[in-house]
PDB file of all heavy atoms in Angstrom:
ATOM      1  N   ALA A   1       7.747 132.800 -58.414  1.00  0.00           N
ATOM      2  CA  ALA A   1       8.630 131.938 -59.232  1.00  0.00           C
ATOM      3  C   ALA A   1      10.001 131.879 -58.706  1.00  0.00           C
ATOM      4  O   ALA A   1      10.763 130.796 -58.833  1.00  0.00           O
ATOM      5  CB  ALA A   1       8.632 132.392 -60.658  1.00  0.00           C
ATOM      6  N   VAL A   2      10.479 132.934 -57.834  1.00  0.00           N
ATOM      7  CA  VAL A   2      11.881 132.861 -57.341  1.00  0.00           C
ATOM      8  C   VAL A   2      11.940 133.021 -55.876  1.00  0.00           C
ATOM      9  O   VAL A   2      13.063 132.886 -55.353  1.00  0.00           O
ATOM     10  CB  VAL A   2      12.695 133.990 -58.087  1.00  0.00           C
ATOM     11  CG1 VAL A   2      12.934 133.760 -59.529  1.00  0.00           C
ATOM     12  CG2 VAL A   2      12.037 135.355 -57.815  1.00  0.00           C
ATOM     13  N   VAL A   3      10.861 133.338 -55.250  1.00  0.00           N
ATOM     14  CA  VAL A   3      10.821 133.455 -53.839  1.00  0.00           C
ATOM     15  C   VAL A   3      10.729 131.998 -53.151  1.00  0.00           C
ATOM     16  O   VAL A   3       9.735 131.390 -53.204  1.00  0.00           O
ATOM     17  CB  VAL A   3       9.651 134.371 -53.175  1.00  0.00           C
ATOM     18  CG1 VAL A   3       9.723 134.349 -51.724  1.00  0.00           C
ATOM     19  CG2 VAL A   3       9.864 135.706 -53.803  1.00  0.00           C
ATOM     20  N   HIS A   4      11.837 131.667 -52.611  1.00  0.00           N
ATOM     21  CA  HIS A   4      11.828 130.278 -51.866  1.00  0.00           C
ATOM     22  C   HIS A   4      11.167 130.419 -50.479  1.00  0.00           C
ATOM     23  O   HIS A   4      10.234 129.634 -50.170  1.00  0.00           O
ATOM     24  CB  HIS A   4      13.251 129.806 -51.727  1.00  0.00           C
ATOM     25  CG  HIS A   4      13.314 128.462 -51.005  1.00  0.00           C
ATOM     26  ND1 HIS A   4      13.370 128.423 -49.563  1.00  0.00           N
ATOM     27  CD2 HIS A   4      13.393 127.223 -51.442  1.00  0.00           C
ATOM     28  CE1 HIS A   4      13.412 127.167 -49.288  1.00  0.00           C
ATOM     29  NE2 HIS A   4      13.493 126.476 -50.328  1.00  0.00           N
ATOM     30  N   HIS A   5      11.602 131.454 -49.766  1.00  0.00           N
ATOM     31  CA  HIS A   5      10.888 131.650 -48.518  1.00  0.00           C
ATOM     32  C   HIS A   5      11.230 133.097 -47.987  1.00  0.00           C
ATOM     33  O   HIS A   5      12.220 133.708 -48.475  1.00  0.00           O
ATOM     34  CB  HIS A   5      11.271 130.641 -47.382  1.00  0.00           C
ATOM     35  CG  HIS A   5      12.569 130.849 -46.697  1.00  0.00           C
ATOM     36  ND1 HIS A   5      13.619 130.098 -46.876  1.00  0.00           N
ATOM     37  CD2 HIS A   5      12.952 131.784 -45.864  1.00  0.00           C
ATOM     38  CE1 HIS A   5      14.704 130.422 -46.115  1.00  0.00           C
ATOM     39  NE2 HIS A   5      14.270 131.477 -45.442  1.00  0.00           N
ATOM     40  N   VAL A   6      10.325 133.644 -47.088  1.00  0.00           N
ATOM     41  CA  VAL A   6      10.644 135.004 -46.506  1.00  0.00           C
ATOM     42  C   VAL A   6      10.261 134.791 -45.025  1.00  0.00           C
ATOM     43  O   VAL A   6       9.232 134.155 -44.657  1.00  0.00           O
ATOM     44  CB  VAL A   6       9.733 136.000 -47.099  1.00  0.00           C
ATOM     45  CG1 VAL A   6       9.870 137.337 -46.380  1.00  0.00           C
ATOM     46  CG2 VAL A   6       9.927 136.132 -48.568  1.00  0.00           C
ATOM     47  N   ILE A   7      11.207 135.262 -44.119  1.00  0.00           N
ATOM     48  CA  ILE A   7      10.809 135.446 -42.742  1.00  0.00           C
ATOM     49  C   ILE A   7      10.909 136.843 -42.397  1.00  0.00           C
ATOM     50  O   ILE A   7      11.882 137.508 -42.571  1.00  0.00           O
ATOM     51  CB  ILE A   7      11.850 134.534 -41.803  1.00  0.00           C
ATOM     52  CG1 ILE A   7      11.748 133.095 -42.303  1.00  0.00           C
ATOM     53  CG2 ILE A   7      11.417 134.727 -40.390  1.00  0.00           C
ATOM     54  CD1 ILE A   7      12.685 132.206 -41.464  1.00  0.00           C
ATOM     55  N   ALA A   8       9.855 137.323 -41.764  1.00  0.00           N
ATOM     56  CA  ALA A   8       9.768 138.723 -41.322  1.00  0.00           C
ATOM     57  C   ALA A   8      10.016 138.695 -39.812  1.00  0.00           C
ATOM     58  O   ALA A   8       9.190 138.305 -39.063  1.00  0.00           O
ATOM     59  CB  ALA A   8       8.438 139.434 -41.714  1.00  0.00           C
ATOM     60  N   PHE A   9      11.101 139.377 -39.353  1.00  0.00           N
ATOM     61  CA  PHE A   9      11.400 139.530 -37.978  1.00  0.00           C
ATOM     62  C   PHE A   9      11.068 140.899 -37.529  1.00  0.00           C
ATOM     63  O   PHE A   9      11.092 141.866 -38.332  1.00  0.00           O
ATOM     64  CB  PHE A   9      12.903 139.210 -37.704  1.00  0.00           C
ATOM     65  CG  PHE A   9      13.333 137.926 -37.949  1.00  0.00           C
ATOM     66  CD1 PHE A   9      13.954 137.577 -39.135  1.00  0.00           C
ATOM     67  CD2 PHE A   9      13.239 136.921 -36.944  1.00  0.00           C
ATOM     68  CE1 PHE A   9      14.397 136.247 -39.442  1.00  0.00           C
ATOM     69  CE2 PHE A   9      13.655 135.595 -37.253  1.00  0.00           C
ATOM     70  CZ  PHE A   9      14.249 135.305 -38.376  1.00  0.00           C
ATOM     71  N   LEU A  10      10.792 141.060 -36.288  1.00  0.00           N
ATOM     72  CA  LEU A  10      10.645 142.375 -35.605  1.00  0.00           C
ATOM     73  C   LEU A  10      11.889 142.743 -34.871  1.00  0.00           C
ATOM     74  O   LEU A  10      12.449 141.914 -34.062  1.00  0.00           O
ATOM     75  CB  LEU A  10       9.500 142.403 -34.549  1.00  0.00           C
ATOM     76  CG  LEU A  10       8.005 142.207 -35.256  1.00  0.00           C
ATOM     77  CD1 LEU A  10       7.074 142.017 -34.032  1.00  0.00           C
ATOM     78  CD2 LEU A  10       7.713 143.328 -36.024  1.00  0.00           C
ATOM     79  N   ARG A  11      12.418 143.875 -35.112  1.00  0.00           N
ATOM     80  CA  ARG A  11      13.612 144.422 -34.411  1.00  0.00           C
ATOM     81  C   ARG A  11      13.208 145.647 -33.622  1.00  0.00           C
ATOM     82  O   ARG A  11      12.998 146.695 -34.258  1.00  0.00           O
ATOM     83  CB  ARG A  11      14.737 144.698 -35.416  1.00  0.00           C
ATOM     84  CG  ARG A  11      16.023 145.131 -34.731  1.00  0.00           C
ATOM     85  CD  ARG A  11      17.163 145.417 -35.738  1.00  0.00           C
ATOM     86  NE  ARG A  11      16.901 146.644 -36.400  1.00  0.00           N
ATOM     87  CZ  ARG A  11      17.803 147.176 -37.243  1.00  0.00           C
ATOM     88  NH1 ARG A  11      18.990 146.572 -37.475  1.00  0.00           N
ATOM     89  NH2 ARG A  11      17.603 148.365 -37.882  1.00  0.00           N
ATOM     90  N   PRO A  12      13.159 145.513 -32.217  1.00  0.00           N
ATOM     91  CA  PRO A  12      12.741 146.713 -31.408  1.00  0.00           C
ATOM     92  C   PRO A  12      13.755 147.819 -31.413  1.00  0.00           C
ATOM     93  O   PRO A  12      14.948 147.499 -31.814  1.00  0.00           O
ATOM     94  CB  PRO A  12      12.515 146.040 -30.074  1.00  0.00           C
ATOM     95  CG  PRO A  12      13.478 144.940 -30.077  1.00  0.00           C
ATOM     96  CD  PRO A  12      13.491 144.377 -31.475  1.00  0.00           C
ATOM     97  N   PRO A  13      13.417 148.988 -31.046  1.00  0.00           N
ATOM     98  CA  PRO A  13      14.443 150.022 -30.948  1.00  0.00           C
ATOM     99  C   PRO A  13      15.554 149.738 -30.053  1.00  0.00           C
ATOM    100  O   PRO A  13      15.328 149.107 -28.917  1.00  0.00           O
ATOM    101  CB  PRO A  13      13.620 151.239 -30.369  1.00  0.00           C
ATOM    102  CG  PRO A  13      12.169 150.898 -30.703  1.00  0.00           C
ATOM    103  CD  PRO A  13      12.049 149.346 -30.643  1.00  0.00           C
ATOM    104  N   GLY A  14      16.758 150.105 -30.460  1.00  0.00           N
ATOM    105  CA  GLY A  14      17.920 149.793 -29.569  1.00  0.00           C
ATOM    106  C   GLY A  14      18.488 148.424 -29.751  1.00  0.00           C
ATOM    107  O   GLY A  14      19.597 148.108 -29.198  1.00  0.00           O
ATOM    108  N   SER A  15      17.979 147.519 -30.591  1.00  0.00           N
ATOM    109  CA  SER A  15      18.501 146.173 -30.716  1.00  0.00           C
ATOM    110  C   SER A  15      19.773 146.328 -31.489  1.00  0.00           C
ATOM    111  O   SER A  15      19.877 146.988 -32.432  1.00  0.00           O
ATOM    112  CB  SER A  15      17.481 145.298 -31.501  1.00  0.00           C
ATOM    113  OG  SER A  15      18.095 144.137 -31.887  1.00  0.00           O
ATOM    114  N   PRO A  16      20.880 145.557 -31.125  1.00  0.00           N
ATOM    115  CA  PRO A  16      22.113 145.526 -31.753  1.00  0.00           C
ATOM    116  C   PRO A  16      22.150 144.667 -33.000  1.00  0.00           C
ATOM    117  O   PRO A  16      23.113 144.689 -33.788  1.00  0.00           O
ATOM    118  CB  PRO A  16      23.058 144.952 -30.692  1.00  0.00           C
ATOM    119  CG  PRO A  16      22.272 144.062 -29.884  1.00  0.00           C
ATOM    120  CD  PRO A  16      20.920 144.687 -29.769  1.00  0.00           C
ATOM    121  N   TRP A  17      20.986 143.951 -33.237  1.00  0.00           N
ATOM    122  CA  TRP A  17      20.938 142.950 -34.321  1.00  0.00           C
ATOM    123  C   TRP A  17      20.971 143.639 -35.685  1.00  0.00           C
ATOM    124  O   TRP A  17      20.193 144.624 -35.888  1.00  0.00           O
ATOM    125  CB  TRP A  17      19.709 142.045 -34.160  1.00  0.00           C
ATOM    126  CG  TRP A  17      19.662 140.890 -35.125  1.00  0.00           C
ATOM    127  CD1 TRP A  17      20.701 140.058 -35.484  1.00  0.00           C
ATOM    128  CD2 TRP A  17      18.549 140.582 -35.935  1.00  0.00           C
ATOM    129  NE1 TRP A  17      20.226 139.169 -36.456  1.00  0.00           N
ATOM    130  CE2 TRP A  17      18.943 139.435 -36.734  1.00  0.00           C
ATOM    131  CE3 TRP A  17      17.237 141.010 -36.040  1.00  0.00           C
ATOM    132  CZ2 TRP A  17      18.100 138.811 -37.650  1.00  0.00           C
ATOM    133  CZ3 TRP A  17      16.346 140.432 -36.937  1.00  0.00           C
ATOM    134  CH2 TRP A  17      16.787 139.360 -37.678  1.00  0.00           C
ATOM    135  N   MET A  18      21.768 143.257 -36.597  1.00  0.00           N
ATOM    136  CA  MET A  18      21.781 143.885 -37.918  1.00  0.00           C
ATOM    137  C   MET A  18      22.132 145.417 -37.928  1.00  0.00           C
ATOM    138  O   MET A  18      21.616 146.181 -38.724  1.00  0.00           O
ATOM    139  CB  MET A  18      20.594 143.678 -38.708  1.00  0.00           C
ATOM    140  CG  MET A  18      20.195 142.215 -38.950  1.00  0.00           C
ATOM    141  SD  MET A  18      21.299 141.480 -40.171  1.00  0.00           S
ATOM    142  CE  MET A  18      20.768 139.740 -40.035  1.00  0.00           C
ATOM    143  N   ALA A  19      22.964 145.821 -36.884  1.00  0.00           N
ATOM    144  CA  ALA A  19      23.205 147.198 -36.733  1.00  0.00           C
ATOM    145  C   ALA A  19      23.952 147.827 -37.909  1.00  0.00           C
ATOM    146  O   ALA A  19      23.805 149.057 -38.078  1.00  0.00           O
ATOM    147  CB  ALA A  19      24.109 147.409 -35.565  1.00  0.00           C
ATOM    148  N   ASP A  20      24.544 147.010 -38.683  1.00  0.00           N
ATOM    149  CA  ASP A  20      25.334 147.552 -39.897  1.00  0.00           C
ATOM    150  C   ASP A  20      24.383 147.680 -41.135  1.00  0.00           C
ATOM    151  O   ASP A  20      24.861 148.287 -42.191  1.00  0.00           O
ATOM    152  CB  ASP A  20      26.545 146.684 -40.278  1.00  0.00           C
ATOM    153  CG  ASP A  20      27.511 146.764 -39.049  1.00  0.00           C
ATOM    154  OD1 ASP A  20      27.619 147.645 -38.377  1.00  0.00           O
ATOM    155  OD2 ASP A  20      28.248 145.652 -38.980  1.00  0.00           O
ATOM    156  N   ALA A  21      23.154 147.159 -41.095  1.00  0.00           N
ATOM    157  CA  ALA A  21      22.290 147.187 -42.244  1.00  0.00           C
ATOM    158  C   ALA A  21      21.743 148.600 -42.409  1.00  0.00           C
ATOM    159  O   ALA A  21      21.216 149.214 -41.490  1.00  0.00           O
ATOM    160  CB  ALA A  21      21.328 146.069 -42.136  1.00  0.00           C
ATOM    161  N   LYS A  22      21.732 149.111 -43.651  1.00  0.00           N
ATOM    162  CA  LYS A  22      21.085 150.373 -44.027  1.00  0.00           C
ATOM    163  C   LYS A  22      19.624 150.130 -44.370  1.00  0.00           C
ATOM    164  O   LYS A  22      19.304 149.137 -45.242  1.00  0.00           O
ATOM    165  CB  LYS A  22      21.743 150.999 -45.136  1.00  0.00           C
ATOM    166  CG  LYS A  22      23.175 151.470 -44.724  1.00  0.00           C
ATOM    167  CD  LYS A  22      23.884 152.153 -45.855  1.00  0.00           C
ATOM    168  CE  LYS A  22      25.279 152.501 -45.532  1.00  0.00           C
ATOM    169  NZ  LYS A  22      25.995 153.243 -46.665  1.00  0.00           N
ATOM    170  N   PRO A  23      18.633 150.832 -43.851  1.00  0.00           N
ATOM    171  CA  PRO A  23      17.199 150.566 -44.338  1.00  0.00           C
ATOM    172  C   PRO A  23      16.914 150.544 -45.853  1.00  0.00           C
ATOM    173  O   PRO A  23      17.486 151.482 -46.477  1.00  0.00           O
ATOM    174  CB  PRO A  23      16.452 151.799 -43.618  1.00  0.00           C
ATOM    175  CG  PRO A  23      17.351 152.057 -42.464  1.00  0.00           C
ATOM    176  CD  PRO A  23      18.719 151.887 -42.974  1.00  0.00           C
ATOM    177  N   GLY A  24      16.237 149.603 -46.287  1.00  0.00           N
ATOM    178  CA  GLY A  24      15.945 149.561 -47.738  1.00  0.00           C
ATOM    179  C   GLY A  24      16.953 148.993 -48.497  1.00  0.00           C
ATOM    180  O   GLY A  24      16.712 148.843 -49.865  1.00  0.00           O
ATOM    181  N   VAL A  25      18.145 148.611 -48.088  1.00  0.00           N
ATOM    182  CA  VAL A  25      19.258 148.117 -48.870  1.00  0.00           C
ATOM    183  C   VAL A  25      19.545 146.689 -48.553  1.00  0.00           C
ATOM    184  O   VAL A  25      19.852 146.391 -47.423  1.00  0.00           O
ATOM    185  CB  VAL A  25      20.566 148.963 -48.623  1.00  0.00           C
ATOM    186  CG1 VAL A  25      21.667 148.397 -49.575  1.00  0.00           C
ATOM    187  CG2 VAL A  25      20.280 150.484 -48.967  1.00  0.00           C
ATOM    188  N   PRO A  26      19.412 145.737 -49.517  1.00  0.00           N
ATOM    189  CA  PRO A  26      19.732 144.353 -49.194  1.00  0.00           C
ATOM    190  C   PRO A  26      21.105 144.180 -48.539  1.00  0.00           C
ATOM    191  O   PRO A  26      22.134 144.790 -49.003  1.00  0.00           O
ATOM    192  CB  PRO A  26      19.687 143.641 -50.550  1.00  0.00           C
ATOM    193  CG  PRO A  26      18.850 144.549 -51.370  1.00  0.00           C
ATOM    194  CD  PRO A  26      19.085 145.878 -50.916  1.00  0.00           C
ATOM    195  N   PHE A  27      21.162 143.339 -47.558  1.00  0.00           N
ATOM    196  CA  PHE A  27      22.372 143.167 -46.709  1.00  0.00           C
ATOM    197  C   PHE A  27      22.649 141.635 -46.488  1.00  0.00           C
ATOM    198  O   PHE A  27      21.745 140.825 -46.240  1.00  0.00           O
ATOM    199  CB  PHE A  27      22.112 143.785 -45.373  1.00  0.00           C
ATOM    200  CG  PHE A  27      23.204 143.739 -44.389  1.00  0.00           C
ATOM    201  CD1 PHE A  27      24.421 144.463 -44.594  1.00  0.00           C
ATOM    202  CD2 PHE A  27      23.138 143.041 -43.223  1.00  0.00           C
ATOM    203  CE1 PHE A  27      25.446 144.354 -43.669  1.00  0.00           C
ATOM    204  CE2 PHE A  27      24.123 142.946 -42.345  1.00  0.00           C
ATOM    205  CZ  PHE A  27      25.296 143.569 -42.568  1.00  0.00           C
ATOM    206  N   ILE A  28      23.948 141.287 -46.763  1.00  0.00           N
ATOM    207  CA  ILE A  28      24.277 139.897 -46.473  1.00  0.00           C
ATOM    208  C   ILE A  28      25.239 139.827 -45.269  1.00  0.00           C
ATOM    209  O   ILE A  28      26.483 140.231 -45.360  1.00  0.00           O
ATOM    210  CB  ILE A  28      25.029 139.277 -47.697  1.00  0.00           C
ATOM    211  CG1 ILE A  28      24.071 139.408 -48.967  1.00  0.00           C
ATOM    212  CG2 ILE A  28      25.389 137.862 -47.475  1.00  0.00           C
ATOM    213  CD1 ILE A  28      24.680 138.839 -50.217  1.00  0.00           C
ATOM    214  N   PRO A  29      24.695 139.444 -44.023  1.00  0.00           N
ATOM    215  CA  PRO A  29      25.582 139.516 -42.917  1.00  0.00           C
ATOM    216  C   PRO A  29      26.410 138.321 -42.723  1.00  0.00           C
ATOM    217  O   PRO A  29      26.221 137.222 -43.504  1.00  0.00           O
ATOM    218  CB  PRO A  29      24.476 139.564 -41.815  1.00  0.00           C
ATOM    219  CG  PRO A  29      23.406 138.814 -42.371  1.00  0.00           C
ATOM    220  CD  PRO A  29      23.378 139.078 -43.823  1.00  0.00           C
ATOM    221  N   GLY A  30      27.348 138.388 -41.748  1.00  0.00           N
ATOM    222  CA  GLY A  30      28.109 137.200 -41.486  1.00  0.00           C
ATOM    223  C   GLY A  30      27.222 136.146 -40.659  1.00  0.00           C
ATOM    224  O   GLY A  30      26.165 136.544 -40.196  1.00  0.00           O
ATOM    225  N   ARG A  31      27.610 134.885 -40.584  1.00  0.00           N
ATOM    226  CA  ARG A  31      26.815 133.952 -39.973  1.00  0.00           C
ATOM    227  C   ARG A  31      26.444 134.187 -38.492  1.00  0.00           C
ATOM    228  O   ARG A  31      25.331 133.967 -38.146  1.00  0.00           O
ATOM    229  CB  ARG A  31      27.528 132.516 -40.004  1.00  0.00           C
ATOM    230  CG  ARG A  31      26.780 131.317 -39.529  1.00  0.00           C
ATOM    231  CD  ARG A  31      27.535 130.023 -39.629  1.00  0.00           C
ATOM    232  NE  ARG A  31      27.715 129.710 -41.053  1.00  0.00           N
ATOM    233  CZ  ARG A  31      26.801 128.952 -41.681  1.00  0.00           C
ATOM    234  NH1 ARG A  31      25.689 128.552 -41.208  1.00  0.00           N
ATOM    235  NH2 ARG A  31      27.079 128.745 -42.997  1.00  0.00           N
ATOM    236  N   GLU A  32      27.402 134.840 -37.751  1.00  0.00           N
ATOM    237  CA  GLU A  32      27.075 135.138 -36.366  1.00  0.00           C
ATOM    238  C   GLU A  32      26.064 136.143 -36.203  1.00  0.00           C
ATOM    239  O   GLU A  32      25.502 136.354 -35.156  1.00  0.00           O
ATOM    240  CB  GLU A  32      28.370 135.524 -35.680  1.00  0.00           C
ATOM    241  CG  GLU A  32      28.990 136.931 -36.111  1.00  0.00           C
ATOM    242  CD  GLU A  32      29.701 136.800 -37.466  1.00  0.00           C
ATOM    243  OE1 GLU A  32      29.888 135.761 -38.012  1.00  0.00           O
ATOM    244  OE2 GLU A  32      30.136 137.911 -37.937  1.00  0.00           O
ATOM    245  N   GLN A  33      25.822 136.964 -37.266  1.00  0.00           N
ATOM    246  CA  GLN A  33      24.848 138.098 -37.193  1.00  0.00           C
ATOM    247  C   GLN A  33      23.440 137.708 -37.523  1.00  0.00           C
ATOM    248  O   GLN A  33      22.493 138.404 -37.472  1.00  0.00           O
ATOM    249  CB  GLN A  33      25.314 139.286 -37.992  1.00  0.00           C
ATOM    250  CG  GLN A  33      26.586 139.864 -37.729  1.00  0.00           C
ATOM    251  CD  GLN A  33      26.932 141.022 -38.680  1.00  0.00           C
ATOM    252  OE1 GLN A  33      26.124 141.985 -38.659  1.00  0.00           O
ATOM    253  NE2 GLN A  33      27.985 140.910 -39.467  1.00  0.00           N
TER     254      GLN A  33
END
């Protein structure tokens, strides 16, 4: 009823993408991230 869409990405070990995100905690990054 509230899920518009979900995209599941794979982040390999060592990737700098979303480096500030803590596992299991919802994170709202800046546009460049």
